[in-house]
Amino acid sequence: MIFVPPVDIYETTNCISLNQVRSTKVIDRIGIAYEMPNRKIWLNRPKWGAATLDEDLVMVTQNGSNRLCSGDIVRFLDSSPVGYRGAVALGPFISYSESQ
């Protein structure tokens, strides 16, 4: 379980390196948490589409680079015959640490 406390001062970035991502967690209707080395968590609260976020969906990231950036589109699939369930446009990434 990833706990993301509210903080007043935090680090932000527009892009993260995909080869550094150790795991991801969709937080229902809020955002996507990306776990990096050293227990660092980058939380992304999408610019649009957050209402469709569901932890039971499969996240599909398709881009031509090794970076995931604000403005990139992430799609979601489920096990239904249709498969496609929605998409989000990523916002900036906010850094948290699990030790906080």
PDB file of N, CA and C in Angstrom:
ATOM      1  N   MET A   1       0.844  -1.174   0.000  1.00  0.00           N
ATOM      2  CA  MET A   1       0.000   0.000   0.000  1.00  0.00           C
ATOM      3  C   MET A   1       0.891   1.240   0.000  1.00  0.00           C
ATOM      4  N   ILE A   2       0.557   2.208  -0.816  1.00  0.00           N
ATOM      5  CA  ILE A   2       1.301   3.454  -0.888  1.00  0.00           C
ATOM      6  C   ILE A   2       0.500   4.530  -0.196  1.00  0.00           C
ATOM      7  N   PHE A   3       1.076   5.140   0.820  1.00  0.00           N
ATOM      8  CA  PHE A   3       0.437   6.250   1.518  1.00  0.00           C
ATOM      9  C   PHE A   3       1.067   7.538   1.033  1.00  0.00           C
ATOM     10  N   VAL A   4       0.264   8.448   0.523  1.00  0.00           N
ATOM     11  CA  VAL A   4       0.762   9.721   0.015  1.00  0.00           C
ATOM     12  C   VAL A   4       0.193  10.830   0.888  1.00  0.00           C
ATOM     13  N   PRO A   5       0.994  11.319   1.851  1.00  0.00           N
ATOM     14  CA  PRO A   5       0.500  12.360   2.746  1.00  0.00           C
ATOM     15  C   PRO A   5       0.469  13.723   2.065  1.00  0.00           C
ATOM     16  N   PRO A   6      -0.397  14.609   2.521  1.00  0.00           N
ATOM     17  CA  PRO A   6      -0.376  15.974   1.985  1.00  0.00           C
ATOM     18  C   PRO A   6       0.851  16.711   2.508  1.00  0.00           C
ATOM     19  N   VAL A   7       1.505  17.432   1.634  1.00  0.00           N
ATOM     20  CA  VAL A   7       2.675  18.218   2.035  1.00  0.00           C
ATOM     21  C   VAL A   7       2.587  19.595   1.398  1.00  0.00           C
ATOM     22  N   ASP A   8       3.241  20.566   2.039  1.00  0.00           N
ATOM     23  CA  ASP A   8       3.253  21.925   1.499  1.00  0.00           C
ATOM     24  C   ASP A   8       4.409  22.140   0.528  1.00  0.00           C
ATOM     25  N   ILE A   9       5.538  21.465   0.785  1.00  0.00           N
ATOM     26  CA  ILE A   9       6.725  21.634  -0.045  1.00  0.00           C
ATOM     27  C   ILE A   9       7.060  20.285  -0.660  1.00  0.00           C
ATOM     28  N   TYR A  10       7.181  20.243  -1.965  1.00  0.00           N
ATOM     29  CA  TYR A  10       7.468  18.996  -2.642  1.00  0.00           C
ATOM     30  C   TYR A  10       8.204  19.289  -3.933  1.00  0.00           C
ATOM     31  N   GLU A  11       8.845  18.268  -4.449  1.00  0.00           N
ATOM     32  CA  GLU A  11       9.574  18.365  -5.707  1.00  0.00           C
ATOM     33  C   GLU A  11       8.629  17.990  -6.841  1.00  0.00           C
ATOM     34  N   THR A  12       8.703  18.678  -7.951  1.00  0.00           N
ATOM     35  CA  THR A  12       7.900  18.326  -9.119  1.00  0.00           C
ATOM     36  C   THR A  12       8.808  18.190 -10.332  1.00  0.00           C
ATOM     37  N   THR A  13       8.340  17.424 -11.293  1.00  0.00           N
ATOM     38  CA  THR A  13       9.035  17.294 -12.564  1.00  0.00           C
ATOM     39  C   THR A  13       7.999  17.027 -13.644  1.00  0.00           C
ATOM     40  N   ASN A  14       8.333  17.357 -14.873  1.00  0.00           N
ATOM     41  CA  ASN A  14       7.406  17.104 -15.973  1.00  0.00           C
ATOM     42  C   ASN A  14       7.603  15.724 -16.592  1.00  0.00           C
ATOM     43  N   CYS A  15       8.759  15.071 -16.342  1.00  0.00           N
ATOM     44  CA  CYS A  15       9.039  13.764 -16.931  1.00  0.00           C
ATOM     45  C   CYS A  15       9.748  12.858 -15.931  1.00  0.00           C
ATOM     46  N   ILE A  16       9.491  11.550 -16.066  1.00  0.00           N
ATOM     47  CA  ILE A  16      10.241  10.555 -15.304  1.00  0.00           C
ATOM     48  C   ILE A  16      10.800   9.539 -16.300  1.00  0.00           C
ATOM     49  N   SER A  17      11.851   8.845 -15.889  1.00  0.00           N
ATOM     50  CA  SER A  17      12.492   7.846 -16.727  1.00  0.00           C
ATOM     51  C   SER A  17      11.804   6.501 -16.529  1.00  0.00           C
ATOM     52  N   LEU A  18      11.271   5.925 -17.614  1.00  0.00           N
ATOM     53  CA  LEU A  18      10.544   4.660 -17.508  1.00  0.00           C
ATOM     54  C   LEU A  18      11.439   3.508 -17.052  1.00  0.00           C
ATOM     55  N   ASN A  19      12.724   3.534 -17.399  1.00  0.00           N
ATOM     56  CA  ASN A  19      13.589   2.427 -16.988  1.00  0.00           C
ATOM     57  C   ASN A  19      13.909   2.459 -15.496  1.00  0.00           C
ATOM     58  N   GLN A  20      13.528   3.518 -14.792  1.00  0.00           N
ATOM     59  CA  GLN A  20      13.710   3.612 -13.354  1.00  0.00           C
ATOM     60  C   GLN A  20      12.465   3.186 -12.567  1.00  0.00           C
ATOM     61  N   VAL A  21      11.331   3.024 -13.236  1.00  0.00           N
ATOM     62  CA  VAL A  21      10.080   2.675 -12.558  1.00  0.00           C
ATOM     63  C   VAL A  21      10.141   1.225 -12.097  1.00  0.00           C
ATOM     64  N   ARG A  22       9.966   1.014 -10.777  1.00  0.00           N
ATOM     65  CA  ARG A  22       9.982  -0.330 -10.203  1.00  0.00           C
ATOM     66  C   ARG A  22       8.581  -0.928 -10.141  1.00  0.00           C
ATOM     67  N   SER A  23       7.565  -0.095  -9.898  1.00  0.00           N
ATOM     68  CA  SER A  23       6.181  -0.568  -9.874  1.00  0.00           C
ATOM     69  C   SER A  23       5.252   0.629 -10.030  1.00  0.00           C
ATOM     70  N   THR A  24       4.000   0.329 -10.344  1.00  0.00           N
ATOM     71  CA  THR A  24       2.983   1.373 -10.463  1.00  0.00           C
ATOM     72  C   THR A  24       1.752   0.952  -9.671  1.00  0.00           C
ATOM     73  N   LYS A  25       0.989   1.942  -9.261  1.00  0.00           N
ATOM     74  CA  LYS A  25      -0.245   1.690  -8.516  1.00  0.00           C
ATOM     75  C   LYS A  25      -1.254   2.738  -8.946  1.00  0.00           C
ATOM     76  N   VAL A  26      -2.393   2.282  -9.457  1.00  0.00           N
ATOM     77  CA  VAL A  26      -3.481   3.199  -9.801  1.00  0.00           C
ATOM     78  C   VAL A  26      -4.272   3.464  -8.527  1.00  0.00           C
ATOM     79  N   ILE A  27      -4.466   4.718  -8.212  1.00  0.00           N
ATOM     80  CA  ILE A  27      -5.244   5.128  -7.045  1.00  0.00           C
ATOM     81  C   ILE A  27      -6.600   5.607  -7.572  1.00  0.00           C
ATOM     82  N   ASP A  28      -7.638   4.851  -7.225  1.00  0.00           N
ATOM     83  CA  ASP A  28      -8.985   5.104  -7.764  1.00  0.00           C
ATOM     84  C   ASP A  28      -9.342   6.585  -7.790  1.00  0.00           C
ATOM     85  N   ARG A  29      -9.707   7.056  -8.982  1.00  0.00           N
ATOM     86  CA  ARG A  29     -10.208   8.413  -9.215  1.00  0.00           C
ATOM     87  C   ARG A  29      -9.272   9.531  -8.743  1.00  0.00           C
ATOM     88  N   ILE A  30      -7.995   9.203  -8.458  1.00  0.00           N
ATOM     89  CA  ILE A  30      -7.052  10.228  -7.991  1.00  0.00           C
ATOM     90  C   ILE A  30      -5.849  10.359  -8.907  1.00  0.00           C
ATOM     91  N   GLY A  31      -5.116   9.273  -9.108  1.00  0.00           N
ATOM     92  CA  GLY A  31      -3.902   9.374  -9.894  1.00  0.00           C
ATOM     93  C   GLY A  31      -3.175   8.052 -10.012  1.00  0.00           C
ATOM     94  N   ILE A  32      -1.928   8.139 -10.459  1.00  0.00           N
ATOM     95  CA  ILE A  32      -1.073   6.976 -10.638  1.00  0.00           C
ATOM     96  C   ILE A  32       0.224   7.227  -9.874  1.00  0.00           C
ATOM     97  N   ALA A  33       0.611   6.269  -9.022  1.00  0.00           N
ATOM     98  CA  ALA A  33       1.853   6.362  -8.260  1.00  0.00           C
ATOM     99  C   ALA A  33       2.903   5.495  -8.945  1.00  0.00           C
ATOM    100  N   TYR A  34       4.067   6.067  -9.169  1.00  0.00           N
ATOM    101  CA  TYR A  34       5.191   5.366  -9.788  1.00  0.00           C
ATOM    102  C   TYR A  34       6.281   5.225  -8.731  1.00  0.00           C
ATOM    103  N   GLU A  35       6.614   3.982  -8.359  1.00  0.00           N
ATOM    104  CA  GLU A  35       7.671   3.749  -7.371  1.00  0.00           C
ATOM    105  C   GLU A  35       9.013   3.676  -8.087  1.00  0.00           C
ATOM    106  N   MET A  36       9.985   4.427  -7.576  1.00  0.00           N
ATOM    107  CA  MET A  36      11.316   4.495  -8.146  1.00  0.00           C
ATOM    108  C   MET A  36      12.317   3.882  -7.160  1.00  0.00           C
ATOM    109  N   PRO A  37      13.584   3.781  -7.550  1.00  0.00           N
ATOM    110  CA  PRO A  37      14.596   3.316  -6.600  1.00  0.00           C
ATOM    111  C   PRO A  37      14.625   4.208  -5.351  1.00  0.00           C
ATOM    112  N   ASN A  38      15.155   3.683  -4.278  1.00  0.00           N
ATOM    113  CA  ASN A  38      15.281   4.403  -3.001  1.00  0.00           C
ATOM    114  C   ASN A  38      13.938   4.810  -2.412  1.00  0.00           C
ATOM    115  N   ARG A  39      12.885   4.025  -2.719  1.00  0.00           N
ATOM    116  CA  ARG A  39      11.549   4.229  -2.152  1.00  0.00           C
ATOM    117  C   ARG A  39      10.932   5.583  -2.510  1.00  0.00           C
ATOM    118  N   LYS A  40      11.417   6.225  -3.519  1.00  0.00           N
ATOM    119  CA  LYS A  40      10.842   7.495  -3.974  1.00  0.00           C
ATOM    120  C   LYS A  40       9.577   7.203  -4.778  1.00  0.00           C
ATOM    121  N   ILE A  41       8.543   7.974  -4.536  1.00  0.00           N
ATOM    122  CA  ILE A  41       7.270   7.834  -5.236  1.00  0.00           C
ATOM    123  C   ILE A  41       6.985   9.117  -6.015  1.00  0.00           C
ATOM    124  N   TRP A  42       6.685   8.965  -7.295  1.00  0.00           N
ATOM    125  CA  TRP A  42       6.205  10.086  -8.101  1.00  0.00           C
ATOM    126  C   TRP A  42       4.706   9.879  -8.292  1.00  0.00           C
ATOM    127  N   LEU A  43       3.907  10.801  -7.793  1.00  0.00           N
ATOM    128  CA  LEU A  43       2.459  10.741  -7.965  1.00  0.00           C
ATOM    129  C   LEU A  43       2.070  11.627  -9.134  1.00  0.00           C
ATOM    130  N   ASN A  44       1.260  11.073 -10.023  1.00  0.00           N
ATOM    131  CA  ASN A  44       0.760  11.861 -11.136  1.00  0.00           C
ATOM    132  C   ASN A  44      -0.745  12.003 -11.004  1.00  0.00           C
ATOM    133  N   ARG A  45      -1.188  13.244 -10.912  1.00  0.00           N
ATOM    134  CA  ARG A  45      -2.624  13.547 -10.919  1.00  0.00           C
ATOM    135  C   ARG A  45      -2.946  14.038 -12.324  1.00  0.00           C
ATOM    136  N   PRO A  46      -3.656  13.220 -13.110  1.00  0.00           N
ATOM    137  CA  PRO A  46      -3.893  13.547 -14.518  1.00  0.00           C
ATOM    138  C   PRO A  46      -4.575  14.895 -14.732  1.00  0.00           C
ATOM    139  N   LYS A  47      -4.256  15.502 -15.888  1.00  0.00           N
ATOM    140  CA  LYS A  47      -4.897  16.754 -16.292  1.00  0.00           C
ATOM    141  C   LYS A  47      -6.369  16.519 -16.591  1.00  0.00           C
ATOM    142  N   TRP A  48      -6.693  15.370 -17.168  1.00  0.00           N
ATOM    143  CA  TRP A  48      -8.078  14.975 -17.400  1.00  0.00           C
ATOM    144  C   TRP A  48      -8.167  13.455 -17.388  1.00  0.00           C
ATOM    145  N   GLY A  49      -9.362  12.960 -17.081  1.00  0.00           N
ATOM    146  CA  GLY A  49      -9.611  11.525 -17.108  1.00  0.00           C
ATOM    147  C   GLY A  49      -9.493  10.813 -15.774  1.00  0.00           C
ATOM    148  N   ALA A  50      -9.140  11.519 -14.698  1.00  0.00           N
ATOM    149  CA  ALA A  50      -8.935  10.865 -13.402  1.00  0.00           C
ATOM    150  C   ALA A  50     -10.183  10.130 -12.912  1.00  0.00           C
ATOM    151  N   ALA A  51     -11.357  10.590 -13.283  1.00  0.00           N
ATOM    152  CA  ALA A  51     -12.593   9.949 -12.837  1.00  0.00           C
ATOM    153  C   ALA A  51     -12.709   8.515 -13.350  1.00  0.00           C
ATOM    154  N   THR A  52     -11.984   8.165 -14.409  1.00  0.00           N
ATOM    155  CA  THR A  52     -12.037   6.812 -14.963  1.00  0.00           C
ATOM    156  C   THR A  52     -11.025   5.876 -14.307  1.00  0.00           C
ATOM    157  N   LEU A  53     -10.149   6.396 -13.447  1.00  0.00           N
ATOM    158  CA  LEU A  53      -9.109   5.558 -12.839  1.00  0.00           C
ATOM    159  C   LEU A  53      -9.712   4.533 -11.887  1.00  0.00           C
ATOM    160  N   ASP A  54      -9.300   3.284 -12.071  1.00  0.00           N
ATOM    161  CA  ASP A  54      -9.782   2.168 -11.261  1.00  0.00           C
ATOM    162  C   ASP A  54      -8.621   1.196 -11.102  1.00  0.00           C
ATOM    163  N   GLU A  55      -8.319   0.817  -9.872  1.00  0.00           N
ATOM    164  CA  GLU A  55      -7.154  -0.040  -9.619  1.00  0.00           C
ATOM    165  C   GLU A  55      -7.265  -1.419 -10.261  1.00  0.00           C
ATOM    166  N   ASP A  56      -8.446  -1.821 -10.714  1.00  0.00           N
ATOM    167  CA  ASP A  56      -8.622  -3.124 -11.350  1.00  0.00           C
ATOM    168  C   ASP A  56      -8.331  -3.112 -12.849  1.00  0.00           C
ATOM    169  N   LEU A  57      -8.093  -1.941 -13.412  1.00  0.00           N
ATOM    170  CA  LEU A  57      -7.816  -1.848 -14.838  1.00  0.00           C
ATOM    171  C   LEU A  57      -6.331  -2.055 -15.129  1.00  0.00           C
ATOM    172  N   VAL A  58      -6.050  -2.437 -16.368  1.00  0.00           N
ATOM    173  CA  VAL A  58      -4.675  -2.634 -16.822  1.00  0.00           C
ATOM    174  C   VAL A  58      -4.212  -1.360 -17.523  1.00  0.00           C
ATOM    175  N   MET A  59      -3.073  -0.827 -17.077  1.00  0.00           N
ATOM    176  CA  MET A  59      -2.540   0.409 -17.641  1.00  0.00           C
ATOM    177  C   MET A  59      -1.658   0.079 -18.853  1.00  0.00           C
ATOM    178  N   VAL A  60      -1.848   0.828 -19.956  1.00  0.00           N
ATOM    179  CA  VAL A  60      -1.066   0.642 -21.169  1.00  0.00           C
ATOM    180  C   VAL A  60      -0.407   1.969 -21.516  1.00  0.00           C
ATOM    181  N   THR A  61       0.913   1.972 -21.476  1.00  0.00           N
ATOM    182  CA  THR A  61       1.677   3.174 -21.805  1.00  0.00           C
ATOM    183  C   THR A  61       2.405   2.929 -23.113  1.00  0.00           C
ATOM    184  N   GLN A  62       2.139   3.757 -24.111  1.00  0.00           N
ATOM    185  CA  GLN A  62       2.796   3.624 -25.407  1.00  0.00           C
ATOM    186  C   GLN A  62       3.401   4.972 -25.785  1.00  0.00           C
ATOM    187  N   ASN A  63       4.702   4.989 -25.854  1.00  0.00           N
ATOM    188  CA  ASN A  63       5.370   6.183 -26.376  1.00  0.00           C
ATOM    189  C   ASN A  63       6.685   5.761 -27.011  1.00  0.00           C
ATOM    190  N   GLY A  64       7.287   6.629 -27.746  1.00  0.00           N
ATOM    191  CA  GLY A  64       8.493   6.280 -28.486  1.00  0.00           C
ATOM    192  C   GLY A  64       9.784   6.599 -27.767  1.00  0.00           C
ATOM    193  N   SER A  65       9.702   6.911 -26.482  1.00  0.00           N
ATOM    194  CA  SER A  65      10.923   7.249 -25.763  1.00  0.00           C
ATOM    195  C   SER A  65      10.972   6.512 -24.434  1.00  0.00           C
ATOM    196  N   ASN A  66      12.027   6.714 -23.705  1.00  0.00           N
ATOM    197  CA  ASN A  66      12.204   6.088 -22.401  1.00  0.00           C
ATOM    198  C   ASN A  66      11.711   6.998 -21.282  1.00  0.00           C
ATOM    199  N   ARG A  67      10.988   8.040 -21.641  1.00  0.00           N
ATOM    200  CA  ARG A  67      10.484   8.982 -20.634  1.00  0.00           C
ATOM    201  C   ARG A  67       8.971   9.056 -20.708  1.00  0.00           C
ATOM    202  N   LEU A  68       8.373   9.258 -19.558  1.00  0.00           N
ATOM    203  CA  LEU A  68       6.935   9.479 -19.455  1.00  0.00           C
ATOM    204  C   LEU A  68       6.775  10.912 -18.982  1.00  0.00           C
ATOM    205  N   CYS A  69       6.013  11.697 -19.722  1.00  0.00           N
ATOM    206  CA  CYS A  69       5.963  13.131 -19.453  1.00  0.00           C
ATOM    207  C   CYS A  69       4.533  13.651 -19.304  1.00  0.00           C
ATOM    208  N   SER A  70       4.433  14.804 -18.662  1.00  0.00           N
ATOM    209  CA  SER A  70       3.175  15.519 -18.551  1.00  0.00           C
ATOM    210  C   SER A  70       2.625  15.723 -19.960  1.00  0.00           C
ATOM    211  N   GLY A  71       1.348  15.436 -20.135  1.00  0.00           N
ATOM    212  CA  GLY A  71       0.728  15.553 -21.451  1.00  0.00           C
ATOM    213  C   GLY A  71       0.631  14.225 -22.182  1.00  0.00           C
ATOM    214  N   ASP A  72       1.455  13.220 -21.785  1.00  0.00           N
ATOM    215  CA  ASP A  72       1.355  11.895 -22.410  1.00  0.00           C
ATOM    216  C   ASP A  72       0.014  11.267 -22.065  1.00  0.00           C
ATOM    217  N   ILE A  73      -0.476  10.427 -22.956  1.00  0.00           N
ATOM    218  CA  ILE A  73      -1.751   9.744 -22.767  1.00  0.00           C
ATOM    219  C   ILE A  73      -1.476   8.314 -22.294  1.00  0.00           C
ATOM    220  N   VAL A  74      -2.168   7.902 -21.230  1.00  0.00           N
ATOM    221  CA  VAL A  74      -2.101   6.531 -20.727  1.00  0.00           C
ATOM    222  C   VAL A  74      -3.500   5.952 -20.892  1.00  0.00           C
ATOM    223  N   ARG A  75      -3.569   4.779 -21.503  1.00  0.00           N
ATOM    224  CA  ARG A  75      -4.846   4.120 -21.748  1.00  0.00           C
ATOM    225  C   ARG A  75      -5.067   2.981 -20.756  1.00  0.00           C
ATOM    226  N   PHE A  76      -6.318   2.588 -20.580  1.00  0.00           N
ATOM    227  CA  PHE A  76      -6.666   1.527 -19.642  1.00  0.00           C
ATOM    228  C   PHE A  76      -7.557   0.499 -20.322  1.00  0.00           C
ATOM    229  N   LEU A  77      -7.288  -0.774 -20.010  1.00  0.00           N
ATOM    230  CA  LEU A  77      -8.045  -1.899 -20.547  1.00  0.00           C
ATOM    231  C   LEU A  77      -8.624  -2.703 -19.401  1.00  0.00           C
ATOM    232  N   ASP A  78      -9.700  -3.449 -19.702  1.00  0.00           N
ATOM    233  CA  ASP A  78     -10.218  -4.413 -18.730  1.00  0.00           C
ATOM    234  C   ASP A  78     -10.386  -5.751 -19.441  1.00  0.00           C
ATOM    235  N   SER A  79     -10.970  -6.708 -18.780  1.00  0.00           N
ATOM    236  CA  SER A  79     -11.083  -8.047 -19.348  1.00  0.00           C
ATOM    237  C   SER A  79     -12.343  -8.251 -20.189  1.00  0.00           C
ATOM    238  N   SER A  80     -13.113  -7.211 -20.399  1.00  0.00           N
ATOM    239  CA  SER A  80     -14.329  -7.346 -21.209  1.00  0.00           C
ATOM    240  C   SER A  80     -13.956  -7.528 -22.679  1.00  0.00           C
ATOM    241  N   PRO A  81     -14.906  -7.982 -23.510  1.00  0.00           N
ATOM    242  CA  PRO A  81     -14.615  -8.142 -24.942  1.00  0.00           C
ATOM    243  C   PRO A  81     -14.197  -6.832 -25.611  1.00  0.00           C
ATOM    244  N   VAL A  82     -14.729  -5.721 -25.110  1.00  0.00           N
ATOM    245  CA  VAL A  82     -14.354  -4.425 -25.685  1.00  0.00           C
ATOM    246  C   VAL A  82     -12.931  -4.076 -25.287  1.00  0.00           C
ATOM    247  N   GLY A  83     -12.587  -4.319 -24.051  1.00  0.00           N
ATOM    248  CA  GLY A  83     -11.231  -4.091 -23.572  1.00  0.00           C
ATOM    249  C   GLY A  83     -10.941  -2.662 -23.178  1.00  0.00           C
ATOM    250  N   TYR A  84     -11.150  -1.721 -24.065  1.00  0.00           N
ATOM    251  CA  TYR A  84     -10.816  -0.318 -23.805  1.00  0.00           C
ATOM    252  C   TYR A  84     -11.772   0.281 -22.782  1.00  0.00           C
ATOM    253  N   ARG A  85     -11.219   0.919 -21.737  1.00  0.00           N
ATOM    254  CA  ARG A  85     -12.048   1.512 -20.686  1.00  0.00           C
ATOM    255  C   ARG A  85     -11.846   3.003 -20.513  1.00  0.00           C
ATOM    256  N   GLY A  86     -10.834   3.581 -21.117  1.00  0.00           N
ATOM    257  CA  GLY A  86     -10.633   5.010 -20.973  1.00  0.00           C
ATOM    258  C   GLY A  86      -9.170   5.390 -21.073  1.00  0.00           C
ATOM    259  N   ALA A  87      -8.926   6.654 -20.843  1.00  0.00           N
ATOM    260  CA  ALA A  87      -7.575   7.180 -20.937  1.00  0.00           C
ATOM    261  C   ALA A  87      -7.449   8.403 -20.046  1.00  0.00           C
ATOM    262  N   VAL A  88      -6.211   8.736 -19.703  1.00  0.00           N
ATOM    263  CA  VAL A  88      -5.929   9.958 -18.957  1.00  0.00           C
ATOM    264  C   VAL A  88      -4.791  10.698 -19.643  1.00  0.00           C
ATOM    265  N   ALA A  89      -4.772  12.001 -19.475  1.00  0.00           N
ATOM    266  CA  ALA A  89      -3.639  12.829 -19.904  1.00  0.00           C
ATOM    267  C   ALA A  89      -2.857  13.161 -18.643  1.00  0.00           C
ATOM    268  N   LEU A  90      -1.602  12.740 -18.600  1.00  0.00           N
ATOM    269  CA  LEU A  90      -0.796  12.942 -17.408  1.00  0.00           C
ATOM    270  C   LEU A  90      -0.537  14.419 -17.133  1.00  0.00           C
ATOM    271  N   GLY A  91      -0.477  14.741 -15.853  1.00  0.00           N
ATOM    272  CA  GLY A  91      -0.088  16.072 -15.398  1.00  0.00           C
ATOM    273  C   GLY A  91       1.348  16.020 -14.924  1.00  0.00           C
ATOM    274  N   PRO A  92       1.820  17.026 -14.192  1.00  0.00           N
ATOM    275  CA  PRO A  92       3.169  16.975 -13.649  1.00  0.00           C
ATOM    276  C   PRO A  92       3.276  15.888 -12.571  1.00  0.00           C
ATOM    277  N   PHE A  93       4.474  15.413 -12.345  1.00  0.00           N
ATOM    278  CA  PHE A  93       4.744  14.389 -11.344  1.00  0.00           C
ATOM    279  C   PHE A  93       5.172  15.078 -10.041  1.00  0.00           C
ATOM    280  N   ILE A  94       4.598  14.616  -8.923  1.00  0.00           N
ATOM    281  CA  ILE A  94       4.898  15.180  -7.597  1.00  0.00           C
ATOM    282  C   ILE A  94       5.631  14.110  -6.799  1.00  0.00           C
ATOM    283  N   SER A  95       6.774  14.455  -6.224  1.00  0.00           N
ATOM    284  CA  SER A  95       7.608  13.510  -5.504  1.00  0.00           C
ATOM    285  C   SER A  95       7.220  13.376  -4.036  1.00  0.00           C
ATOM    286  N   TYR A  96       7.154  12.123  -3.568  1.00  0.00           N
ATOM    287  CA  TYR A  96       6.946  11.795  -2.180  1.00  0.00           C
ATOM    288  C   TYR A  96       7.924  10.704  -1.811  1.00  0.00           C
ATOM    289  N   SER A  97       8.128  10.499  -0.528  1.00  0.00           N
ATOM    290  CA  SER A  97       8.958   9.407  -0.056  1.00  0.00           C
ATOM    291  C   SER A  97       8.126   8.571   0.881  1.00  0.00           C
ATOM    292  N   GLU A  98       8.248   7.230   0.812  1.00  0.00           N
ATOM    293  CA  GLU A  98       7.482   6.351   1.691  1.00  0.00           C
ATOM    294  C   GLU A  98       7.860   6.536   3.141  1.00  0.00           C
ATOM    295  N   SER A  99       9.033   7.094   3.397  1.00  0.00           N
ATOM    296  CA  SER A  99       9.478   7.254   4.787  1.00  0.00           C
ATOM    297  C   SER A  99       8.869   8.477   5.450  1.00  0.00           C
ATOM    298  N   GLN A 100       8.116   9.308   4.703  1.00  0.00           N
ATOM    299  CA  GLN A 100       7.517  10.505   5.298  1.00  0.00           C
ATOM    300  C   GLN A 100       6.408  10.133   6.249  1.00  0.00           C
TER     301      GLN A 100
END
